[in-house]
Amino acid sequence: MESRADSGGEASTSQTVPECYLIVHNVAKKHNIGTLARCATAFNVKQLCLVGSRQFNTFGAHGASDYVDFRHYPTLEDCVQDLKSKGCAIVGVEIMEGAQPVHRCPFTGSTAFMLGNEGHGLTPKQISLCDSFVYIQQYGAGTASLNVAVAASIVLHHFALWAGYQERQRQGQKFVVADRPARTAPRGFVPLTPEEQAAERARRAARAADADADAAALPALFE
């Protein structure tokens, strides 16, 4: 497998190193999200994009979710639009016609990987929003597909190698874990962004103004 540098890509700098994102939607087994968070921090994922509910189960994360930048999106369309504005290609992870083996690293720059449901894979809507697809080759006869977190780990590892991410320092038989970041929200909950907080304040102010206007109009109804 070639890295970007081996294949003629630019030298890695803070400006040119491709970023990696993970889109999580319609995951049936909620504890898988915690395991995905652990995979995300191990392979230097820039952001884990959670579509739908702001709440998630941290089971399986073993504390790693505190090191992951979560971003919430109400819909897949909102998520994809924002990622594309950052220059990301949307790559679905699915066994399907036209998908390329992930070990060939068919990447061109910053990439957001779209994961599907453990049982049914990507939905038609998810497929329609992807620019391309990768799959993981299998060689044994005993299973039709991999667990979503296992599949994500393999894909993210290939991308990290291709992108030229620097390996984390090791100490003994473990990798060095950074100091735990200060928590800004309850565990298992994606907080509002500053923009969302401002929008929520504006909505509340508008509702309060409407309520005041209705209250002021009430006396006129009885005159």
N, C-alpha and C. Protein backbone atom coordinates (compact mmCIF):
# COMPACT_ATOMS: atom_id res chain seq x y z
N MET A 1 0.84 -1.19 0.00
CA MET A 1 0.00 0.00 0.00
C MET A 1 0.88 1.24 0.00
N GLU A 2 0.59 2.19 -0.90
CA GLU A 2 1.36 3.41 -0.99
C GLU A 2 0.77 4.50 -0.12
N SER A 3 1.66 5.32 0.44
CA SER A 3 1.21 6.53 1.12
C SER A 3 1.03 7.63 0.09
N ARG A 4 0.54 8.78 0.52
CA ARG A 4 0.42 9.91 -0.41
C ARG A 4 1.78 10.29 -0.97
N ALA A 5 2.79 10.31 -0.10
CA ALA A 5 4.13 10.69 -0.56
C ALA A 5 4.65 9.71 -1.60
N ASP A 6 4.43 8.41 -1.38
CA ASP A 6 4.89 7.39 -2.33
C ASP A 6 4.21 7.52 -3.68
N SER A 7 2.94 7.95 -3.65
CA SER A 7 2.16 8.03 -4.89
C SER A 7 2.22 9.41 -5.53
N GLY A 8 3.12 10.25 -5.01
CA GLY A 8 3.27 11.57 -5.62
C GLY A 8 2.49 12.66 -4.95
N GLY A 9 1.92 12.37 -3.78
CA GLY A 9 1.18 13.39 -3.05
C GLY A 9 2.11 14.40 -2.45
N GLU A 10 1.55 15.52 -1.99
CA GLU A 10 2.36 16.57 -1.41
C GLU A 10 2.96 16.11 -0.09
N ALA A 11 4.06 16.72 0.29
CA ALA A 11 4.66 16.42 1.59
C ALA A 11 3.70 16.85 2.68
N SER A 12 3.69 16.10 3.79
CA SER A 12 2.77 16.37 4.87
C SER A 12 3.16 17.63 5.62
N THR A 13 2.25 18.59 5.68
CA THR A 13 2.39 19.78 6.51
C THR A 13 1.06 20.02 7.18
N SER A 14 1.03 20.93 8.14
CA SER A 14 -0.22 21.19 8.84
C SER A 14 -1.29 21.70 7.89
N GLN A 15 -0.86 22.30 6.73
CA GLN A 15 -1.84 22.82 5.79
C GLN A 15 -2.32 21.77 4.80
N THR A 16 -1.48 20.76 4.53
CA THR A 16 -1.81 19.85 3.44
C THR A 16 -2.21 18.45 3.89
N VAL A 17 -2.00 18.09 5.14
CA VAL A 17 -2.37 16.75 5.59
C VAL A 17 -3.88 16.58 5.51
N PRO A 18 -4.37 15.58 4.78
CA PRO A 18 -5.83 15.39 4.66
C PRO A 18 -6.46 15.08 6.02
N GLU A 19 -7.66 15.58 6.20
CA GLU A 19 -8.39 15.32 7.44
C GLU A 19 -9.39 14.20 7.24
N CYS A 20 -9.69 13.52 8.33
CA CYS A 20 -10.58 12.36 8.29
C CYS A 20 -11.78 12.61 9.20
N TYR A 21 -12.96 12.34 8.68
CA TYR A 21 -14.20 12.49 9.43
C TYR A 21 -14.97 11.17 9.38
N LEU A 22 -15.83 10.96 10.37
CA LEU A 22 -16.63 9.75 10.44
C LEU A 22 -18.09 10.15 10.62
N ILE A 23 -18.95 9.70 9.72
CA ILE A 23 -20.38 9.99 9.78
C ILE A 23 -21.11 8.79 10.35
N VAL A 24 -21.79 8.99 11.48
CA VAL A 24 -22.49 7.90 12.16
C VAL A 24 -23.99 8.19 12.15
N HIS A 25 -24.74 7.30 11.52
CA HIS A 25 -26.19 7.46 11.40
C HIS A 25 -26.82 6.08 11.27
N ASN A 26 -27.95 5.89 11.96
CA ASN A 26 -28.70 4.65 11.80
C ASN A 26 -27.94 3.42 12.31
N VAL A 27 -27.07 3.62 13.31
CA VAL A 27 -26.38 2.48 13.92
C VAL A 27 -27.34 1.81 14.90
N ALA A 28 -27.60 0.52 14.69
CA ALA A 28 -28.64 -0.16 15.46
C ALA A 28 -28.21 -0.41 16.90
N LYS A 29 -27.00 -0.89 17.10
CA LYS A 29 -26.52 -1.22 18.44
C LYS A 29 -25.81 0.00 19.01
N LYS A 30 -26.48 0.70 19.92
CA LYS A 30 -26.00 2.00 20.37
C LYS A 30 -24.63 1.93 21.04
N HIS A 31 -24.29 0.77 21.64
CA HIS A 31 -22.97 0.69 22.27
C HIS A 31 -21.85 0.73 21.25
N ASN A 32 -22.17 0.50 19.98
CA ASN A 32 -21.15 0.58 18.95
C ASN A 32 -20.60 1.99 18.79
N ILE A 33 -21.40 3.01 19.14
CA ILE A 33 -20.93 4.38 18.99
C ILE A 33 -19.75 4.65 19.93
N GLY A 34 -19.81 4.12 21.15
CA GLY A 34 -18.69 4.26 22.06
C GLY A 34 -17.44 3.60 21.51
N THR A 35 -17.59 2.42 20.93
CA THR A 35 -16.46 1.73 20.34
C THR A 35 -15.93 2.49 19.13
N LEU A 36 -16.82 3.08 18.35
CA LEU A 36 -16.40 3.89 17.22
C LEU A 36 -15.61 5.12 17.68
N ALA A 37 -16.00 5.69 18.82
CA ALA A 37 -15.25 6.83 19.36
C ALA A 37 -13.83 6.42 19.71
N ARG A 38 -13.68 5.22 20.25
CA ARG A 38 -12.34 4.72 20.58
C ARG A 38 -11.51 4.53 19.32
N CYS A 39 -12.13 4.00 18.27
CA CYS A 39 -11.45 3.85 16.98
C CYS A 39 -11.07 5.22 16.41
N ALA A 40 -11.99 6.19 16.55
CA ALA A 40 -11.76 7.51 15.97
C ALA A 40 -10.54 8.20 16.57
N THR A 41 -10.40 8.14 17.89
CA THR A 41 -9.25 8.80 18.50
C THR A 41 -7.95 8.03 18.22
N ALA A 42 -8.03 6.71 18.08
CA ALA A 42 -6.83 5.92 17.78
C ALA A 42 -6.26 6.26 16.41
N PHE A 43 -7.14 6.61 15.46
CA PHE A 43 -6.70 6.84 14.08
C PHE A 43 -6.80 8.30 13.66
N ASN A 44 -6.83 9.20 14.67
CA ASN A 44 -6.70 10.64 14.42
C ASN A 44 -7.84 11.22 13.59
N VAL A 45 -9.05 10.76 13.84
CA VAL A 45 -10.22 11.32 13.16
C VAL A 45 -10.45 12.74 13.66
N LYS A 46 -10.66 13.64 12.73
CA LYS A 46 -10.84 15.05 13.06
C LYS A 46 -12.15 15.28 13.82
N GLN A 47 -13.20 14.61 13.38
CA GLN A 47 -14.51 14.84 13.99
C GLN A 47 -15.41 13.63 13.75
N LEU A 48 -16.16 13.27 14.76
CA LEU A 48 -17.17 12.23 14.62
C LEU A 48 -18.52 12.93 14.50
N CYS A 49 -19.14 12.77 13.34
CA CYS A 49 -20.38 13.48 13.01
C CYS A 49 -21.56 12.58 13.35
N LEU A 50 -22.32 12.97 14.36
CA LEU A 50 -23.45 12.17 14.83
C LEU A 50 -24.74 12.77 14.27
N VAL A 51 -25.45 11.99 13.47
CA VAL A 51 -26.67 12.46 12.81
C VAL A 51 -27.89 11.91 13.53
N GLY A 52 -28.85 12.80 13.83
CA GLY A 52 -30.06 12.39 14.53
C GLY A 52 -30.04 12.85 15.97
N SER A 53 -30.02 11.91 16.90
CA SER A 53 -30.03 12.23 18.32
C SER A 53 -28.68 12.80 18.77
N ARG A 54 -28.74 13.72 19.73
CA ARG A 54 -27.51 14.25 20.33
C ARG A 54 -26.94 13.30 21.38
N GLN A 55 -27.73 12.35 21.83
CA GLN A 55 -27.29 11.45 22.88
C GLN A 55 -26.66 10.19 22.27
N PHE A 56 -25.67 9.64 22.96
CA PHE A 56 -25.06 8.41 22.50
C PHE A 56 -24.54 7.64 23.71
N ASN A 57 -24.43 6.34 23.53
CA ASN A 57 -23.96 5.45 24.59
C ASN A 57 -22.43 5.38 24.53
N THR A 58 -21.78 5.68 25.64
CA THR A 58 -20.31 5.66 25.66
C THR A 58 -19.73 4.29 26.00
N PHE A 59 -20.60 3.29 26.16
CA PHE A 59 -20.12 1.95 26.47
C PHE A 59 -19.15 1.49 25.38
N GLY A 60 -18.02 0.97 25.78
CA GLY A 60 -17.03 0.50 24.82
C GLY A 60 -15.97 1.52 24.51
N ALA A 61 -16.18 2.79 24.93
CA ALA A 61 -15.21 3.83 24.63
C ALA A 61 -14.01 3.79 25.56
N HIS A 62 -14.20 3.28 26.78
CA HIS A 62 -13.13 3.22 27.78
C HIS A 62 -12.48 4.59 27.99
N GLY A 63 -13.32 5.62 28.03
CA GLY A 63 -12.84 6.98 28.26
C GLY A 63 -12.39 7.71 27.01
N ALA A 64 -12.31 7.01 25.88
CA ALA A 64 -11.79 7.63 24.65
C ALA A 64 -12.73 8.69 24.09
N SER A 65 -14.02 8.62 24.42
CA SER A 65 -14.97 9.59 23.87
C SER A 65 -14.65 11.02 24.33
N ASP A 66 -13.94 11.16 25.45
CA ASP A 66 -13.57 12.50 25.93
C ASP A 66 -12.54 13.15 25.02
N TYR A 67 -11.86 12.36 24.20
CA TYR A 67 -10.82 12.89 23.32
C TYR A 67 -11.31 13.12 21.90
N VAL A 68 -12.58 12.83 21.65
CA VAL A 68 -13.14 12.93 20.30
C VAL A 68 -13.99 14.19 20.19
N ASP A 69 -13.80 14.90 19.09
CA ASP A 69 -14.63 16.07 18.80
C ASP A 69 -15.91 15.57 18.12
N PHE A 70 -17.01 15.61 18.86
CA PHE A 70 -18.30 15.21 18.30
C PHE A 70 -19.00 16.45 17.72
N ARG A 71 -19.68 16.27 16.62
CA ARG A 71 -20.51 17.33 16.04
C ARG A 71 -21.86 16.73 15.69
N HIS A 72 -22.92 17.38 16.11
CA HIS A 72 -24.27 16.89 15.86
C HIS A 72 -24.87 17.57 14.64
N TYR A 73 -25.61 16.79 13.86
CA TYR A 73 -26.36 17.31 12.71
C TYR A 73 -27.77 16.73 12.77
N PRO A 74 -28.78 17.54 12.54
CA PRO A 74 -30.15 17.01 12.57
C PRO A 74 -30.46 16.06 11.42
N THR A 75 -29.86 16.30 10.25
CA THR A 75 -30.14 15.44 9.09
C THR A 75 -28.84 15.09 8.36
N LEU A 76 -28.90 14.04 7.57
CA LEU A 76 -27.77 13.65 6.75
C LEU A 76 -27.41 14.74 5.75
N GLU A 77 -28.44 15.38 5.18
CA GLU A 77 -28.18 16.43 4.21
C GLU A 77 -27.39 17.59 4.82
N ASP A 78 -27.76 17.98 6.06
CA ASP A 78 -27.04 19.05 6.74
C ASP A 78 -25.58 18.65 6.96
N CYS A 79 -25.38 17.40 7.36
CA CYS A 79 -24.03 16.89 7.63
C CYS A 79 -23.18 16.91 6.37
N VAL A 80 -23.69 16.35 5.31
CA VAL A 80 -22.94 16.25 4.07
C VAL A 80 -22.64 17.64 3.49
N GLN A 81 -23.61 18.53 3.55
CA GLN A 81 -23.41 19.89 3.03
C GLN A 81 -22.26 20.59 3.77
N ASP A 82 -22.24 20.44 5.11
CA ASP A 82 -21.20 21.08 5.90
C ASP A 82 -19.83 20.48 5.59
N LEU A 83 -19.76 19.16 5.50
CA LEU A 83 -18.48 18.50 5.22
C LEU A 83 -17.96 18.85 3.83
N LYS A 84 -18.85 18.93 2.87
CA LYS A 84 -18.43 19.30 1.52
C LYS A 84 -17.92 20.74 1.47
N SER A 85 -18.48 21.60 2.32
CA SER A 85 -18.00 22.98 2.37
C SER A 85 -16.57 23.05 2.92
N LYS A 86 -16.16 22.00 3.62
CA LYS A 86 -14.79 21.90 4.13
C LYS A 86 -13.86 21.18 3.16
N GLY A 87 -14.38 20.82 2.00
CA GLY A 87 -13.56 20.17 0.99
C GLY A 87 -13.48 18.67 1.11
N CYS A 88 -14.40 18.06 1.85
CA CYS A 88 -14.37 16.61 2.06
C CYS A 88 -15.07 15.86 0.93
N ALA A 89 -14.50 14.73 0.56
CA ALA A 89 -15.21 13.75 -0.25
C ALA A 89 -15.99 12.85 0.70
N ILE A 90 -17.19 12.44 0.29
CA ILE A 90 -18.02 11.56 1.11
C ILE A 90 -17.88 10.14 0.56
N VAL A 91 -17.28 9.28 1.35
CA VAL A 91 -16.99 7.91 0.89
C VAL A 91 -17.78 6.91 1.74
N GLY A 92 -18.66 6.17 1.10
CA GLY A 92 -19.44 5.16 1.80
C GLY A 92 -18.64 3.88 1.99
N VAL A 93 -18.84 3.25 3.13
CA VAL A 93 -18.20 1.96 3.41
C VAL A 93 -19.26 0.89 3.20
N GLU A 94 -19.18 0.21 2.08
CA GLU A 94 -20.24 -0.73 1.72
C GLU A 94 -19.75 -1.74 0.70
N ILE A 95 -20.26 -2.97 0.80
CA ILE A 95 -19.97 -4.01 -0.19
C ILE A 95 -21.00 -3.85 -1.30
N MET A 96 -20.59 -3.24 -2.40
CA MET A 96 -21.55 -2.96 -3.47
C MET A 96 -20.82 -2.80 -4.80
N GLU A 97 -21.59 -2.86 -5.86
CA GLU A 97 -21.03 -2.70 -7.20
C GLU A 97 -20.36 -1.33 -7.31
N GLY A 98 -19.14 -1.34 -7.82
CA GLY A 98 -18.41 -0.09 -8.02
C GLY A 98 -17.53 0.32 -6.86
N ALA A 99 -17.69 -0.34 -5.69
CA ALA A 99 -16.85 -0.03 -4.54
C ALA A 99 -15.42 -0.52 -4.79
N GLN A 100 -14.44 0.24 -4.36
CA GLN A 100 -13.05 -0.15 -4.53
C GLN A 100 -12.49 -0.75 -3.24
N PRO A 101 -11.60 -1.73 -3.34
CA PRO A 101 -10.99 -2.29 -2.13
C PRO A 101 -10.25 -1.18 -1.36
N VAL A 102 -10.48 -1.12 -0.07
CA VAL A 102 -9.92 -0.03 0.71
C VAL A 102 -8.40 -0.07 0.74
N HIS A 103 -7.80 -1.26 0.60
CA HIS A 103 -6.34 -1.33 0.67
C HIS A 103 -5.66 -0.65 -0.52
N ARG A 104 -6.43 -0.36 -1.56
CA ARG A 104 -5.87 0.39 -2.69
C ARG A 104 -5.82 1.90 -2.41
N CYS A 105 -6.45 2.31 -1.31
CA CYS A 105 -6.43 3.71 -0.88
C CYS A 105 -6.85 4.67 -2.00
N PRO A 106 -8.09 4.54 -2.47
CA PRO A 106 -8.54 5.41 -3.56
C PRO A 106 -8.99 6.79 -3.05
N PHE A 107 -8.11 7.45 -2.32
CA PHE A 107 -8.45 8.72 -1.68
C PHE A 107 -7.76 9.87 -2.41
N THR A 108 -8.35 11.04 -2.34
CA THR A 108 -7.80 12.20 -3.04
C THR A 108 -7.55 13.38 -2.10
N GLY A 109 -7.99 13.31 -0.88
CA GLY A 109 -7.82 14.43 0.05
C GLY A 109 -8.65 14.17 1.29
N SER A 110 -9.06 15.24 1.97
CA SER A 110 -9.88 15.09 3.17
C SER A 110 -11.12 14.27 2.85
N THR A 111 -11.44 13.35 3.76
CA THR A 111 -12.49 12.36 3.47
C THR A 111 -13.38 12.14 4.68
N ALA A 112 -14.68 12.04 4.43
CA ALA A 112 -15.65 11.68 5.47
C ALA A 112 -16.20 10.31 5.11
N PHE A 113 -16.05 9.36 6.01
CA PHE A 113 -16.52 8.00 5.76
C PHE A 113 -17.93 7.83 6.32
N MET A 114 -18.83 7.37 5.47
CA MET A 114 -20.22 7.14 5.83
C MET A 114 -20.40 5.67 6.20
N LEU A 115 -20.83 5.43 7.46
CA LEU A 115 -21.05 4.07 7.93
C LEU A 115 -22.53 3.72 7.90
N GLY A 116 -22.83 2.45 7.66
CA GLY A 116 -24.21 2.03 7.58
C GLY A 116 -24.65 1.22 8.78
N ASN A 117 -25.89 0.77 8.73
CA ASN A 117 -26.47 -0.07 9.76
C ASN A 117 -25.80 -1.45 9.75
N GLU A 118 -25.65 -2.03 10.97
CA GLU A 118 -24.96 -3.32 11.07
C GLU A 118 -25.65 -4.41 10.26
N GLY A 119 -26.97 -4.37 10.19
CA GLY A 119 -27.68 -5.44 9.50
C GLY A 119 -27.93 -5.17 8.03
N HIS A 120 -28.31 -3.92 7.71
CA HIS A 120 -28.77 -3.61 6.35
C HIS A 120 -27.80 -2.74 5.57
N GLY A 121 -26.74 -2.27 6.20
CA GLY A 121 -25.78 -1.44 5.48
C GLY A 121 -26.30 -0.03 5.27
N LEU A 122 -25.78 0.62 4.24
CA LEU A 122 -26.18 1.98 3.92
C LEU A 122 -27.60 2.01 3.37
N THR A 123 -28.35 3.04 3.74
CA THR A 123 -29.69 3.22 3.21
C THR A 123 -29.60 3.85 1.82
N PRO A 124 -30.68 3.79 1.04
CA PRO A 124 -30.67 4.46 -0.28
C PRO A 124 -30.32 5.94 -0.17
N LYS A 125 -30.81 6.61 0.87
CA LYS A 125 -30.48 8.03 1.03
C LYS A 125 -28.99 8.22 1.26
N GLN A 126 -28.40 7.39 2.15
CA GLN A 126 -26.97 7.50 2.40
C GLN A 126 -26.17 7.25 1.11
N ILE A 127 -26.57 6.24 0.37
CA ILE A 127 -25.87 5.92 -0.88
C ILE A 127 -25.93 7.10 -1.84
N SER A 128 -27.08 7.75 -1.93
CA SER A 128 -27.23 8.88 -2.86
C SER A 128 -26.36 10.07 -2.49
N LEU A 129 -25.96 10.16 -1.24
CA LEU A 129 -25.16 11.29 -0.77
C LEU A 129 -23.65 11.04 -0.86
N CYS A 130 -23.25 9.81 -1.20
CA CYS A 130 -21.83 9.48 -1.27
C CYS A 130 -21.25 9.78 -2.65
N ASP A 131 -19.98 10.17 -2.64
CA ASP A 131 -19.26 10.41 -3.90
C ASP A 131 -18.65 9.13 -4.45
N SER A 132 -18.26 8.21 -3.56
CA SER A 132 -17.67 6.95 -3.96
C SER A 132 -17.78 5.97 -2.80
N PHE A 133 -17.28 4.74 -3.03
CA PHE A 133 -17.44 3.69 -2.02
C PHE A 133 -16.17 2.85 -1.93
N VAL A 134 -15.92 2.37 -0.72
CA VAL A 134 -14.84 1.39 -0.50
C VAL A 134 -15.42 0.20 0.24
N TYR A 135 -14.75 -0.93 0.10
CA TYR A 135 -15.15 -2.11 0.86
C TYR A 135 -13.91 -2.85 1.33
N ILE A 136 -14.10 -3.74 2.30
CA ILE A 136 -13.00 -4.51 2.87
C ILE A 136 -13.09 -5.93 2.33
N GLN A 137 -12.05 -6.37 1.68
CA GLN A 137 -12.05 -7.72 1.14
C GLN A 137 -12.03 -8.75 2.28
N GLN A 138 -12.79 -9.82 2.10
CA GLN A 138 -12.80 -10.93 3.06
C GLN A 138 -12.38 -12.21 2.35
N TYR A 139 -11.87 -13.16 3.13
CA TYR A 139 -11.29 -14.36 2.53
C TYR A 139 -11.82 -15.66 3.14
N GLY A 140 -12.54 -15.58 4.26
CA GLY A 140 -13.09 -16.77 4.89
C GLY A 140 -14.58 -16.88 4.63
N ALA A 141 -15.14 -18.07 4.91
CA ALA A 141 -16.51 -18.37 4.51
C ALA A 141 -17.54 -18.21 5.62
N GLY A 142 -17.14 -17.75 6.81
CA GLY A 142 -18.04 -17.84 7.95
C GLY A 142 -18.89 -16.64 8.28
N THR A 143 -18.69 -15.49 7.61
CA THR A 143 -19.50 -14.31 7.93
C THR A 143 -19.70 -13.47 6.68
N ALA A 144 -20.87 -12.83 6.60
CA ALA A 144 -21.21 -12.03 5.42
C ALA A 144 -20.61 -10.63 5.47
N SER A 145 -20.31 -10.15 6.68
CA SER A 145 -19.76 -8.80 6.82
C SER A 145 -19.16 -8.66 8.21
N LEU A 146 -18.53 -7.52 8.46
CA LEU A 146 -17.88 -7.25 9.72
C LEU A 146 -18.71 -6.34 10.62
N ASN A 147 -18.47 -6.40 11.92
CA ASN A 147 -19.04 -5.44 12.84
C ASN A 147 -18.67 -4.04 12.40
N VAL A 148 -19.57 -3.08 12.61
CA VAL A 148 -19.36 -1.72 12.11
C VAL A 148 -18.10 -1.09 12.68
N ALA A 149 -17.80 -1.34 13.95
CA ALA A 149 -16.61 -0.76 14.55
C ALA A 149 -15.33 -1.42 14.03
N VAL A 150 -15.40 -2.72 13.79
CA VAL A 150 -14.25 -3.43 13.21
C VAL A 150 -13.99 -2.90 11.80
N ALA A 151 -15.04 -2.77 11.01
CA ALA A 151 -14.90 -2.25 9.65
C ALA A 151 -14.34 -0.83 9.66
N ALA A 152 -14.86 0.00 10.56
CA ALA A 152 -14.37 1.38 10.65
C ALA A 152 -12.89 1.41 10.98
N SER A 153 -12.45 0.56 11.90
CA SER A 153 -11.04 0.54 12.29
C SER A 153 -10.14 0.22 11.10
N ILE A 154 -10.54 -0.75 10.30
CA ILE A 154 -9.72 -1.14 9.14
C ILE A 154 -9.65 0.00 8.14
N VAL A 155 -10.79 0.61 7.86
CA VAL A 155 -10.84 1.71 6.89
C VAL A 155 -10.03 2.91 7.39
N LEU A 156 -10.21 3.27 8.65
CA LEU A 156 -9.51 4.43 9.21
C LEU A 156 -8.00 4.19 9.26
N HIS A 157 -7.60 2.96 9.54
CA HIS A 157 -6.16 2.64 9.57
C HIS A 157 -5.55 2.82 8.18
N HIS A 158 -6.24 2.35 7.15
CA HIS A 158 -5.74 2.52 5.79
C HIS A 158 -5.64 4.00 5.44
N PHE A 159 -6.65 4.78 5.82
CA PHE A 159 -6.61 6.21 5.50
C PHE A 159 -5.47 6.90 6.23
N ALA A 160 -5.26 6.54 7.52
CA ALA A 160 -4.19 7.17 8.30
C ALA A 160 -2.82 6.88 7.68
N LEU A 161 -2.62 5.66 7.22
CA LEU A 161 -1.35 5.31 6.57
C LEU A 161 -1.18 6.11 5.28
N TRP A 162 -2.26 6.17 4.49
CA TRP A 162 -2.19 6.91 3.23
C TRP A 162 -1.94 8.40 3.47
N ALA A 163 -2.60 8.97 4.47
CA ALA A 163 -2.48 10.40 4.75
C ALA A 163 -1.15 10.76 5.37
N GLY A 164 -0.43 9.77 5.89
CA GLY A 164 0.87 10.04 6.49
C GLY A 164 0.81 10.59 7.90
N TYR A 165 -0.21 10.20 8.64
CA TYR A 165 -0.30 10.67 10.03
C TYR A 165 0.90 10.15 10.83
N GLN A 166 1.36 10.98 11.74
CA GLN A 166 2.50 10.59 12.57
C GLN A 166 2.05 9.60 13.65
N GLU A 167 2.81 8.53 13.78
CA GLU A 167 2.46 7.53 14.79
C GLU A 167 2.58 8.13 16.20
N ARG A 168 1.65 7.75 17.05
CA ARG A 168 1.66 8.20 18.44
C ARG A 168 2.85 7.58 19.18
N GLN A 169 3.39 8.35 20.16
CA GLN A 169 4.50 7.82 20.95
C GLN A 169 4.06 6.59 21.74
N ARG A 170 5.00 5.68 21.91
CA ARG A 170 4.73 4.47 22.67
C ARG A 170 5.51 4.48 23.98
N GLN A 171 4.93 3.82 24.97
CA GLN A 171 5.60 3.65 26.26
C GLN A 171 5.34 2.22 26.72
N GLY A 172 6.39 1.41 26.74
CA GLY A 172 6.18 0.00 27.05
C GLY A 172 5.36 -0.65 25.97
N GLN A 173 4.27 -1.31 26.38
CA GLN A 173 3.41 -2.02 25.43
C GLN A 173 2.12 -1.27 25.14
N LYS A 174 2.13 0.04 25.40
CA LYS A 174 0.96 0.87 25.16
C LYS A 174 1.37 2.15 24.45
N PHE A 175 0.37 2.82 23.85
CA PHE A 175 0.60 4.15 23.31
C PHE A 175 0.32 5.18 24.40
N VAL A 176 1.03 6.31 24.33
CA VAL A 176 0.90 7.35 25.35
C VAL A 176 -0.44 8.06 25.18
N VAL A 177 -1.21 8.15 26.26
CA VAL A 177 -2.51 8.83 26.26
C VAL A 177 -2.32 10.26 26.77
N ALA A 178 -2.88 11.22 26.08
CA ALA A 178 -2.76 12.62 26.48
C ALA A 178 -3.57 12.89 27.74
N ASP A 179 -3.31 14.02 28.38
CA ASP A 179 -4.11 14.43 29.54
C ASP A 179 -5.57 14.55 29.12
N ARG A 180 -6.46 14.12 29.99
CA ARG A 180 -7.88 14.13 29.65
C ARG A 180 -8.39 15.57 29.50
N PRO A 181 -9.04 15.88 28.38
CA PRO A 181 -9.57 17.23 28.20
C PRO A 181 -10.69 17.53 29.20
N ALA A 182 -10.87 18.80 29.49
CA ALA A 182 -11.98 19.21 30.36
C ALA A 182 -13.30 18.94 29.65
N ARG A 183 -14.22 18.34 30.35
CA ARG A 183 -15.52 18.01 29.76
C ARG A 183 -16.40 19.25 29.75
N THR A 184 -17.03 19.54 28.62
CA THR A 184 -17.88 20.72 28.48
C THR A 184 -19.37 20.38 28.39
N ALA A 185 -19.69 19.10 28.49
CA ALA A 185 -21.08 18.66 28.41
C ALA A 185 -21.20 17.34 29.15
N PRO A 186 -22.42 16.94 29.50
CA PRO A 186 -22.59 15.63 30.15
C PRO A 186 -22.06 14.51 29.26
N ARG A 187 -21.54 13.47 29.88
CA ARG A 187 -21.03 12.33 29.11
C ARG A 187 -22.15 11.74 28.25
N GLY A 188 -21.83 11.46 27.01
CA GLY A 188 -22.81 10.87 26.10
C GLY A 188 -23.80 11.87 25.52
N PHE A 189 -23.41 13.13 25.46
CA PHE A 189 -24.30 14.16 24.90
C PHE A 189 -23.47 15.16 24.11
N VAL A 190 -23.89 15.45 22.88
CA VAL A 190 -23.18 16.42 22.04
C VAL A 190 -23.74 17.80 22.33
N PRO A 191 -22.92 18.73 22.85
CA PRO A 191 -23.43 20.06 23.21
C PRO A 191 -23.74 20.90 21.98
N LEU A 192 -24.50 21.96 22.19
CA LEU A 192 -24.77 22.92 21.12
C LEU A 192 -23.50 23.67 20.77
N THR A 193 -23.32 23.95 19.50
CA THR A 193 -22.22 24.81 19.07
C THR A 193 -22.57 26.25 19.41
N PRO A 194 -21.58 27.18 19.43
CA PRO A 194 -21.90 28.59 19.67
C PRO A 194 -22.95 29.13 18.71
N GLU A 195 -22.89 28.70 17.45
CA GLU A 195 -23.89 29.16 16.48
C GLU A 195 -25.28 28.64 16.83
N GLU A 196 -25.35 27.38 17.26
CA GLU A 196 -26.64 26.81 17.65
C GLU A 196 -27.17 27.46 18.92
N GLN A 197 -26.28 27.79 19.84
CA GLN A 197 -26.70 28.49 21.06
C GLN A 197 -27.28 29.86 20.72
N ALA A 198 -26.63 30.57 19.81
CA ALA A 198 -27.13 31.89 19.40
C ALA A 198 -28.49 31.77 18.72
N ALA A 199 -28.64 30.75 17.87
CA ALA A 199 -29.92 30.55 17.19
C ALA A 199 -31.02 30.20 18.18
N GLU A 200 -30.68 29.37 19.20
CA GLU A 200 -31.67 29.01 20.22
C GLU A 200 -32.08 30.22 21.04
N ARG A 201 -31.13 31.09 21.39
CA ARG A 201 -31.47 32.32 22.12
C ARG A 201 -32.38 33.20 21.29
N ALA A 202 -32.11 33.28 19.99
CA ALA A 202 -32.95 34.09 19.11
C ALA A 202 -34.36 33.53 19.03
N ARG A 203 -34.48 32.20 18.97
CA ARG A 203 -35.82 31.59 18.92
C ARG A 203 -36.58 31.86 20.21
N ARG A 204 -35.90 31.75 21.35
CA ARG A 204 -36.56 32.00 22.63
C ARG A 204 -37.00 33.46 22.74
N ALA A 205 -36.16 34.37 22.27
CA ALA A 205 -36.50 35.79 22.31
C ALA A 205 -37.71 36.07 21.43
N ALA A 206 -37.76 35.41 20.26
CA ALA A 206 -38.90 35.61 19.36
C ALA A 206 -40.18 35.07 19.98
N ARG A 207 -40.08 33.89 20.65
CA ARG A 207 -41.28 33.34 21.29
C ARG A 207 -41.75 34.25 22.43
N ALA A 208 -40.79 34.79 23.18
CA ALA A 208 -41.15 35.70 24.28
C ALA A 208 -41.81 36.96 23.75
N ALA A 209 -41.31 37.50 22.64
CA ALA A 209 -41.89 38.70 22.04
C ALA A 209 -43.30 38.42 21.55
N ASP A 210 -43.51 37.23 20.95
CA ASP A 210 -44.85 36.87 20.48
C ASP A 210 -45.81 36.74 21.67
N ALA A 211 -45.32 36.13 22.77
CA ALA A 211 -46.16 35.98 23.95
C ALA A 211 -46.54 37.34 24.54
N ASP A 212 -45.59 38.28 24.57
CA ASP A 212 -45.87 39.63 25.08
C ASP A 212 -46.89 40.33 24.20
N ALA A 213 -46.76 40.14 22.89
CA ALA A 213 -47.70 40.77 21.96
C ALA A 213 -49.11 40.21 22.16
N ASP A 214 -49.20 38.88 22.36
CA ASP A 214 -50.51 38.27 22.59
C ASP A 214 -51.12 38.76 23.90
N ALA A 215 -50.29 38.90 24.93
CA ALA A 215 -50.78 39.37 26.22
C ALA A 215 -51.27 40.81 26.13
N ALA A 216 -50.56 41.64 25.37
CA ALA A 216 -50.95 43.04 25.21
C ALA A 216 -52.26 43.17 24.45
N ALA A 217 -52.54 42.21 23.57
CA ALA A 217 -53.77 42.26 22.77
C ALA A 217 -54.99 41.76 23.51
N LEU A 218 -54.82 41.04 24.60
CA LEU A 218 -55.95 40.45 25.29
C LEU A 218 -56.97 41.46 25.80
N PRO A 219 -56.56 42.59 26.42
CA PRO A 219 -57.58 43.54 26.90
C PRO A 219 -58.51 44.04 25.82
N ALA A 220 -57.97 44.16 24.61
CA ALA A 220 -58.81 44.68 23.51
C ALA A 220 -59.93 43.72 23.17
N LEU A 221 -59.77 42.46 23.47
CA LEU A 221 -60.80 41.48 23.16
C LEU A 221 -62.04 41.65 24.04
N PHE A 222 -61.87 42.30 25.19
CA PHE A 222 -62.97 42.43 26.14
C PHE A 222 -63.55 43.84 26.16
N GLU A 223 -63.07 44.72 25.29
CA GLU A 223 -63.60 46.09 25.27
C GLU A 223 -64.93 46.13 24.49
